[in-house]
N, C-alpha and C. Protein backbone atom coordinates (compact mmCIF):
# COMPACT_ATOMS: atom_id res chain seq x y z
N MET A 1 -15.69 3.60 24.34
CA MET A 1 -14.80 3.83 23.21
C MET A 1 -15.61 4.29 22.01
N THR A 2 -15.14 5.33 21.35
CA THR A 2 -15.85 5.80 20.17
C THR A 2 -15.35 5.06 18.95
N SER A 3 -16.23 4.90 17.98
CA SER A 3 -15.90 4.18 16.77
C SER A 3 -15.04 5.04 15.85
N LYS A 4 -14.14 4.37 15.14
CA LYS A 4 -13.32 5.05 14.13
C LYS A 4 -14.07 5.17 12.82
N GLY A 5 -15.21 4.46 12.69
CA GLY A 5 -15.98 4.51 11.46
C GLY A 5 -16.86 3.28 11.31
N ARG A 6 -17.74 3.35 10.31
CA ARG A 6 -18.67 2.25 10.04
C ARG A 6 -18.26 1.56 8.75
N ILE A 7 -18.17 0.24 8.79
CA ILE A 7 -17.74 -0.54 7.64
C ILE A 7 -18.79 -1.59 7.31
N LEU A 8 -19.05 -1.71 6.01
CA LEU A 8 -19.91 -2.77 5.49
C LEU A 8 -18.99 -3.78 4.82
N LEU A 9 -18.99 -5.00 5.33
CA LEU A 9 -18.13 -6.07 4.84
C LEU A 9 -18.97 -7.11 4.11
N MET A 10 -18.63 -7.40 2.86
CA MET A 10 -19.34 -8.42 2.09
C MET A 10 -18.38 -9.54 1.71
N ASP A 11 -18.71 -10.75 2.16
CA ASP A 11 -17.94 -11.94 1.80
C ASP A 11 -18.85 -13.14 1.98
N ASP A 12 -18.70 -14.14 1.14
CA ASP A 12 -19.56 -15.32 1.23
C ASP A 12 -18.99 -16.43 2.10
N GLU A 13 -17.73 -16.30 2.52
CA GLU A 13 -17.11 -17.34 3.34
C GLU A 13 -17.22 -16.97 4.82
N GLN A 14 -17.91 -17.81 5.59
CA GLN A 14 -18.17 -17.52 7.00
C GLN A 14 -16.90 -17.33 7.81
N ILE A 15 -15.88 -18.13 7.58
CA ILE A 15 -14.64 -18.01 8.35
C ILE A 15 -13.98 -16.65 8.10
N ILE A 16 -14.02 -16.19 6.87
CA ILE A 16 -13.44 -14.88 6.55
C ILE A 16 -14.25 -13.78 7.22
N LEU A 17 -15.58 -13.89 7.17
CA LEU A 17 -16.43 -12.92 7.85
C LEU A 17 -16.11 -12.88 9.34
N ASP A 18 -16.08 -14.05 9.97
CA ASP A 18 -15.85 -14.12 11.41
C ASP A 18 -14.52 -13.48 11.82
N VAL A 19 -13.47 -13.88 11.14
CA VAL A 19 -12.13 -13.38 11.49
C VAL A 19 -12.01 -11.89 11.18
N THR A 20 -12.48 -11.47 10.01
CA THR A 20 -12.36 -10.07 9.62
C THR A 20 -13.20 -9.17 10.52
N LEU A 21 -14.39 -9.64 10.90
CA LEU A 21 -15.22 -8.88 11.84
C LEU A 21 -14.48 -8.64 13.14
N GLU A 22 -13.85 -9.68 13.66
CA GLU A 22 -13.11 -9.54 14.91
C GLU A 22 -11.94 -8.56 14.78
N VAL A 23 -11.22 -8.65 13.67
CA VAL A 23 -10.08 -7.75 13.45
C VAL A 23 -10.57 -6.30 13.35
N LEU A 24 -11.62 -6.09 12.57
CA LEU A 24 -12.13 -4.72 12.39
C LEU A 24 -12.65 -4.15 13.71
N LYS A 25 -13.34 -4.97 14.48
CA LYS A 25 -13.82 -4.50 15.79
C LYS A 25 -12.65 -4.20 16.71
N PHE A 26 -11.63 -5.07 16.69
CA PHE A 26 -10.44 -4.85 17.50
C PHE A 26 -9.77 -3.53 17.14
N LEU A 27 -9.78 -3.18 15.86
CA LEU A 27 -9.17 -1.94 15.40
C LEU A 27 -10.05 -0.72 15.69
N GLY A 28 -11.28 -0.95 16.20
CA GLY A 28 -12.12 0.17 16.63
C GLY A 28 -13.23 0.57 15.69
N TYR A 29 -13.61 -0.29 14.76
CA TYR A 29 -14.65 0.04 13.79
C TYR A 29 -15.95 -0.70 14.10
N ASP A 30 -17.07 -0.05 13.75
CA ASP A 30 -18.37 -0.71 13.79
C ASP A 30 -18.53 -1.43 12.47
N VAL A 31 -18.95 -2.69 12.49
CA VAL A 31 -19.00 -3.49 11.28
C VAL A 31 -20.35 -4.16 11.13
N VAL A 32 -20.87 -4.12 9.90
CA VAL A 32 -22.07 -4.84 9.50
C VAL A 32 -21.64 -5.71 8.33
N PHE A 33 -22.21 -6.92 8.21
CA PHE A 33 -21.78 -7.77 7.11
C PHE A 33 -22.95 -8.27 6.27
N ALA A 34 -22.59 -8.64 5.05
CA ALA A 34 -23.53 -9.25 4.10
C ALA A 34 -22.79 -10.37 3.41
N LYS A 35 -23.54 -11.39 2.96
CA LYS A 35 -22.91 -12.53 2.30
C LYS A 35 -22.89 -12.41 0.78
N GLU A 36 -23.60 -11.42 0.23
CA GLU A 36 -23.54 -11.19 -1.22
C GLU A 36 -24.00 -9.77 -1.51
N GLY A 37 -23.83 -9.36 -2.78
CA GLY A 37 -23.99 -7.97 -3.17
C GLY A 37 -25.38 -7.37 -3.03
N ALA A 38 -26.43 -8.12 -3.33
CA ALA A 38 -27.78 -7.57 -3.22
C ALA A 38 -28.08 -7.20 -1.77
N ALA A 39 -27.68 -8.06 -0.85
CA ALA A 39 -27.88 -7.77 0.58
C ALA A 39 -27.03 -6.57 1.00
N ALA A 40 -25.81 -6.48 0.51
CA ALA A 40 -24.93 -5.35 0.83
C ALA A 40 -25.54 -4.05 0.33
N LEU A 41 -26.08 -4.07 -0.87
CA LEU A 41 -26.70 -2.88 -1.45
C LEU A 41 -27.88 -2.42 -0.59
N GLU A 42 -28.71 -3.34 -0.15
CA GLU A 42 -29.85 -2.99 0.70
C GLU A 42 -29.38 -2.43 2.04
N LEU A 43 -28.37 -3.04 2.65
CA LEU A 43 -27.83 -2.53 3.91
C LEU A 43 -27.25 -1.13 3.73
N TYR A 44 -26.56 -0.91 2.62
CA TYR A 44 -25.96 0.39 2.34
C TYR A 44 -27.04 1.46 2.21
N LYS A 45 -28.08 1.15 1.42
CA LYS A 45 -29.18 2.10 1.22
C LYS A 45 -29.90 2.40 2.53
N SER A 46 -30.18 1.37 3.31
CA SER A 46 -30.88 1.54 4.59
C SER A 46 -30.09 2.41 5.56
N ALA A 47 -28.78 2.16 5.64
CA ALA A 47 -27.93 2.92 6.54
C ALA A 47 -27.88 4.39 6.13
N LYS A 48 -27.76 4.63 4.84
CA LYS A 48 -27.70 6.01 4.34
C LYS A 48 -29.03 6.73 4.60
N ALA A 49 -30.14 6.05 4.35
CA ALA A 49 -31.47 6.63 4.57
C ALA A 49 -31.69 6.93 6.06
N ALA A 50 -31.10 6.13 6.93
CA ALA A 50 -31.25 6.32 8.38
C ALA A 50 -30.28 7.37 8.93
N GLY A 51 -29.47 7.95 8.07
CA GLY A 51 -28.52 8.95 8.51
C GLY A 51 -27.29 8.37 9.19
N GLN A 52 -27.05 7.08 8.98
CA GLN A 52 -25.88 6.41 9.54
C GLN A 52 -25.10 5.72 8.42
N PRO A 53 -24.61 6.50 7.46
CA PRO A 53 -23.95 5.89 6.30
C PRO A 53 -22.65 5.17 6.67
N PHE A 54 -22.28 4.24 5.82
CA PHE A 54 -21.02 3.53 6.00
C PHE A 54 -19.88 4.41 5.49
N ASP A 55 -18.76 4.36 6.20
CA ASP A 55 -17.57 5.10 5.78
C ASP A 55 -16.81 4.35 4.70
N LEU A 56 -16.98 3.01 4.69
CA LEU A 56 -16.24 2.18 3.75
C LEU A 56 -16.98 0.86 3.54
N VAL A 57 -16.90 0.37 2.32
CA VAL A 57 -17.47 -0.93 1.97
C VAL A 57 -16.31 -1.81 1.48
N ILE A 58 -16.25 -3.04 1.99
CA ILE A 58 -15.25 -4.01 1.52
C ILE A 58 -16.02 -5.11 0.81
N LEU A 59 -15.75 -5.28 -0.49
CA LEU A 59 -16.51 -6.21 -1.32
C LEU A 59 -15.65 -7.34 -1.85
N ASP A 60 -16.07 -8.57 -1.56
CA ASP A 60 -15.39 -9.75 -2.10
C ASP A 60 -15.68 -9.80 -3.61
N LEU A 61 -14.65 -10.00 -4.38
CA LEU A 61 -14.78 -10.03 -5.83
C LEU A 61 -15.53 -11.25 -6.33
N SER A 62 -15.29 -12.40 -5.71
CA SER A 62 -15.86 -13.66 -6.20
C SER A 62 -16.93 -14.19 -5.25
N ILE A 63 -18.17 -14.14 -5.69
CA ILE A 63 -19.30 -14.68 -4.93
C ILE A 63 -20.00 -15.66 -5.88
N PRO A 64 -19.80 -16.97 -5.71
CA PRO A 64 -20.39 -17.94 -6.63
C PRO A 64 -21.92 -17.91 -6.68
N GLU A 65 -22.55 -17.72 -5.53
CA GLU A 65 -24.01 -17.71 -5.48
C GLU A 65 -24.50 -16.36 -5.00
N GLY A 66 -24.79 -15.47 -5.94
CA GLY A 66 -25.24 -14.13 -5.59
C GLY A 66 -24.44 -13.09 -6.33
N MET A 67 -24.75 -11.84 -6.05
CA MET A 67 -24.08 -10.72 -6.70
C MET A 67 -22.65 -10.58 -6.18
N ASN A 68 -21.68 -10.54 -7.10
CA ASN A 68 -20.28 -10.41 -6.70
C ASN A 68 -19.88 -8.94 -6.53
N GLY A 69 -18.65 -8.73 -6.12
CA GLY A 69 -18.16 -7.38 -5.86
C GLY A 69 -18.15 -6.47 -7.06
N ARG A 70 -17.85 -7.01 -8.23
CA ARG A 70 -17.82 -6.19 -9.44
C ARG A 70 -19.22 -5.68 -9.79
N GLU A 71 -20.22 -6.54 -9.67
CA GLU A 71 -21.60 -6.11 -9.92
C GLU A 71 -22.07 -5.16 -8.83
N ALA A 72 -21.71 -5.46 -7.59
CA ALA A 72 -22.15 -4.65 -6.45
C ALA A 72 -21.61 -3.23 -6.54
N ILE A 73 -20.35 -3.05 -6.93
CA ILE A 73 -19.80 -1.69 -6.98
C ILE A 73 -20.51 -0.87 -8.05
N GLU A 74 -20.89 -1.50 -9.16
CA GLU A 74 -21.63 -0.77 -10.20
C GLU A 74 -22.95 -0.25 -9.65
N LYS A 75 -23.66 -1.09 -8.91
CA LYS A 75 -24.95 -0.69 -8.35
C LYS A 75 -24.78 0.33 -7.22
N LEU A 76 -23.75 0.14 -6.40
CA LEU A 76 -23.48 1.11 -5.34
C LEU A 76 -23.13 2.47 -5.92
N ARG A 77 -22.29 2.51 -6.95
CA ARG A 77 -21.90 3.77 -7.59
C ARG A 77 -23.11 4.45 -8.24
N ALA A 78 -24.02 3.65 -8.82
CA ALA A 78 -25.23 4.24 -9.42
C ALA A 78 -26.10 4.89 -8.34
N TYR A 79 -26.10 4.31 -7.15
CA TYR A 79 -26.88 4.84 -6.03
C TYR A 79 -26.16 6.01 -5.36
N ASP A 80 -24.85 5.89 -5.16
CA ASP A 80 -24.05 6.89 -4.45
C ASP A 80 -22.67 6.97 -5.09
N GLN A 81 -22.48 7.97 -5.93
CA GLN A 81 -21.20 8.05 -6.65
C GLN A 81 -20.02 8.36 -5.74
N ASN A 82 -20.28 8.73 -4.48
CA ASN A 82 -19.21 9.02 -3.53
C ASN A 82 -18.85 7.84 -2.63
N VAL A 83 -19.43 6.67 -2.91
CA VAL A 83 -19.15 5.49 -2.09
C VAL A 83 -17.65 5.18 -2.11
N LYS A 84 -17.11 4.84 -0.93
CA LYS A 84 -15.72 4.39 -0.84
C LYS A 84 -15.79 2.88 -0.70
N ALA A 85 -15.19 2.18 -1.65
CA ALA A 85 -15.25 0.72 -1.64
C ALA A 85 -13.89 0.12 -1.95
N VAL A 86 -13.59 -0.95 -1.24
CA VAL A 86 -12.35 -1.69 -1.42
C VAL A 86 -12.71 -3.07 -1.96
N VAL A 87 -12.04 -3.49 -3.03
CA VAL A 87 -12.25 -4.82 -3.58
C VAL A 87 -11.34 -5.80 -2.84
N SER A 88 -11.86 -6.99 -2.61
CA SER A 88 -11.13 -8.01 -1.86
C SER A 88 -11.14 -9.32 -2.62
N SER A 89 -9.97 -9.97 -2.73
CA SER A 89 -9.90 -11.25 -3.43
C SER A 89 -8.57 -11.93 -3.13
N GLY A 90 -8.57 -13.23 -3.29
CA GLY A 90 -7.33 -13.99 -3.22
C GLY A 90 -6.68 -14.12 -4.58
N TYR A 91 -7.38 -13.66 -5.61
CA TYR A 91 -6.87 -13.73 -6.98
C TYR A 91 -6.21 -12.41 -7.34
N SER A 92 -4.98 -12.23 -6.93
CA SER A 92 -4.29 -10.95 -7.13
C SER A 92 -4.04 -10.63 -8.59
N ASN A 93 -4.09 -11.63 -9.48
CA ASN A 93 -3.86 -11.37 -10.90
C ASN A 93 -5.13 -11.02 -11.66
N ASP A 94 -6.28 -11.04 -10.99
CA ASP A 94 -7.55 -10.68 -11.63
C ASP A 94 -7.47 -9.24 -12.12
N PRO A 95 -7.98 -8.94 -13.34
CA PRO A 95 -7.93 -7.58 -13.86
C PRO A 95 -8.54 -6.54 -12.92
N VAL A 96 -9.59 -6.90 -12.19
CA VAL A 96 -10.21 -5.96 -11.26
C VAL A 96 -9.24 -5.63 -10.12
N MET A 97 -8.52 -6.62 -9.63
CA MET A 97 -7.54 -6.38 -8.56
C MET A 97 -6.36 -5.55 -9.07
N GLN A 98 -5.96 -5.79 -10.31
CA GLN A 98 -4.83 -5.07 -10.89
C GLN A 98 -5.17 -3.61 -11.19
N ASN A 99 -6.41 -3.36 -11.62
CA ASN A 99 -6.84 -2.01 -12.05
C ASN A 99 -8.11 -1.61 -11.31
N PHE A 100 -8.09 -1.73 -9.98
CA PHE A 100 -9.29 -1.53 -9.18
C PHE A 100 -9.99 -0.20 -9.43
N ALA A 101 -9.23 0.88 -9.62
CA ALA A 101 -9.84 2.20 -9.81
C ALA A 101 -10.66 2.26 -11.10
N SER A 102 -10.25 1.53 -12.12
CA SER A 102 -10.98 1.50 -13.39
C SER A 102 -12.36 0.88 -13.23
N TYR A 103 -12.54 0.09 -12.19
CA TYR A 103 -13.81 -0.58 -11.95
C TYR A 103 -14.65 0.12 -10.88
N GLY A 104 -14.18 1.26 -10.41
CA GLY A 104 -14.94 2.04 -9.43
C GLY A 104 -14.56 1.84 -7.98
N PHE A 105 -13.49 1.08 -7.73
CA PHE A 105 -13.06 0.85 -6.36
C PHE A 105 -12.03 1.89 -5.93
N SER A 106 -11.96 2.14 -4.63
CA SER A 106 -11.02 3.11 -4.07
C SER A 106 -9.71 2.46 -3.62
N GLY A 107 -9.73 1.14 -3.45
CA GLY A 107 -8.55 0.42 -3.00
C GLY A 107 -8.76 -1.08 -3.13
N ARG A 108 -7.74 -1.85 -2.70
CA ARG A 108 -7.84 -3.31 -2.78
C ARG A 108 -7.18 -3.95 -1.57
N LEU A 109 -7.70 -5.11 -1.20
CA LEU A 109 -7.13 -5.94 -0.15
C LEU A 109 -7.00 -7.34 -0.70
N THR A 110 -5.80 -7.90 -0.63
CA THR A 110 -5.56 -9.24 -1.13
C THR A 110 -5.66 -10.24 0.03
N LYS A 111 -6.41 -11.32 -0.22
CA LYS A 111 -6.51 -12.40 0.77
C LYS A 111 -5.31 -13.32 0.61
N PRO A 112 -4.80 -13.92 1.64
CA PRO A 112 -5.25 -13.76 3.03
C PRO A 112 -4.83 -12.38 3.56
N TYR A 113 -5.72 -11.79 4.35
CA TYR A 113 -5.46 -10.46 4.90
C TYR A 113 -4.35 -10.49 5.93
N ARG A 114 -3.63 -9.39 5.97
CA ARG A 114 -2.67 -9.14 7.04
C ARG A 114 -3.23 -7.97 7.83
N ILE A 115 -3.17 -8.05 9.14
CA ILE A 115 -3.73 -6.99 9.97
C ILE A 115 -3.10 -5.64 9.63
N THR A 116 -1.80 -5.62 9.38
CA THR A 116 -1.13 -4.36 9.05
C THR A 116 -1.68 -3.77 7.76
N GLU A 117 -2.01 -4.63 6.80
CA GLU A 117 -2.56 -4.16 5.52
C GLU A 117 -3.99 -3.63 5.70
N ILE A 118 -4.78 -4.35 6.50
CA ILE A 118 -6.15 -3.88 6.77
C ILE A 118 -6.08 -2.52 7.45
N LYS A 119 -5.24 -2.42 8.46
CA LYS A 119 -5.12 -1.16 9.20
C LYS A 119 -4.68 -0.02 8.28
N ARG A 120 -3.71 -0.28 7.42
CA ARG A 120 -3.21 0.76 6.50
C ARG A 120 -4.32 1.25 5.57
N ILE A 121 -5.07 0.32 4.98
CA ILE A 121 -6.11 0.70 4.03
C ILE A 121 -7.24 1.46 4.73
N LEU A 122 -7.58 1.05 5.95
CA LEU A 122 -8.64 1.74 6.69
C LEU A 122 -8.21 3.16 7.05
N GLU A 123 -6.98 3.31 7.49
CA GLU A 123 -6.48 4.65 7.83
C GLU A 123 -6.40 5.54 6.60
N GLU A 124 -6.12 4.94 5.46
CA GLU A 124 -6.04 5.68 4.20
C GLU A 124 -7.44 6.09 3.71
N MET A 125 -8.41 5.20 3.87
CA MET A 125 -9.75 5.41 3.32
C MET A 125 -10.70 6.18 4.24
N ILE A 126 -10.52 6.04 5.56
CA ILE A 126 -11.44 6.68 6.50
C ILE A 126 -10.68 7.74 7.27
N PRO A 127 -11.01 9.01 7.00
CA PRO A 127 -10.31 10.07 7.71
C PRO A 127 -10.59 9.99 9.23
N THR A 128 -9.59 10.32 10.00
CA THR A 128 -9.73 10.31 11.46
C THR A 128 -10.74 11.37 11.86
N LYS A 129 -11.69 10.96 12.69
CA LYS A 129 -12.70 11.90 13.16
C LYS A 129 -12.12 12.74 14.27
N GLN A 130 -12.30 14.04 14.14
CA GLN A 130 -11.78 14.96 15.15
C GLN A 130 -12.65 14.93 16.40
N VAL A 131 -12.02 14.73 17.55
CA VAL A 131 -12.73 14.73 18.82
C VAL A 131 -12.47 16.07 19.50
N ARG A 132 -13.54 16.74 19.90
CA ARG A 132 -13.37 18.05 20.54
C ARG A 132 -13.90 18.03 21.94
């Protein structure tokens, strides 16, 4: 089976990582994860340098110990202004979730995730690769 795309998932909660990884793999994506923003930034840079860039980054907004999604998107945008990133949080009233584009994000996912919502955002953010 060919991959629909490469995703970098950043979240500090192990249960969310575990479940989301399984869902993303089930939907046909290759997934790499990080528990905070500095690690995500390094993974993003390494993948791009290796010629295997990520098609999408999903960043948790709230990371108590480490770089959060808001800080991470600023650093990712400074490195690659074409990065596609989705902000993720359970706090739907947070200003970043309400005005995600103003903060440099391409979309948002509200926790708890629904598979239909994850699928919709992925299809919207990652163009289908043409198979010939």
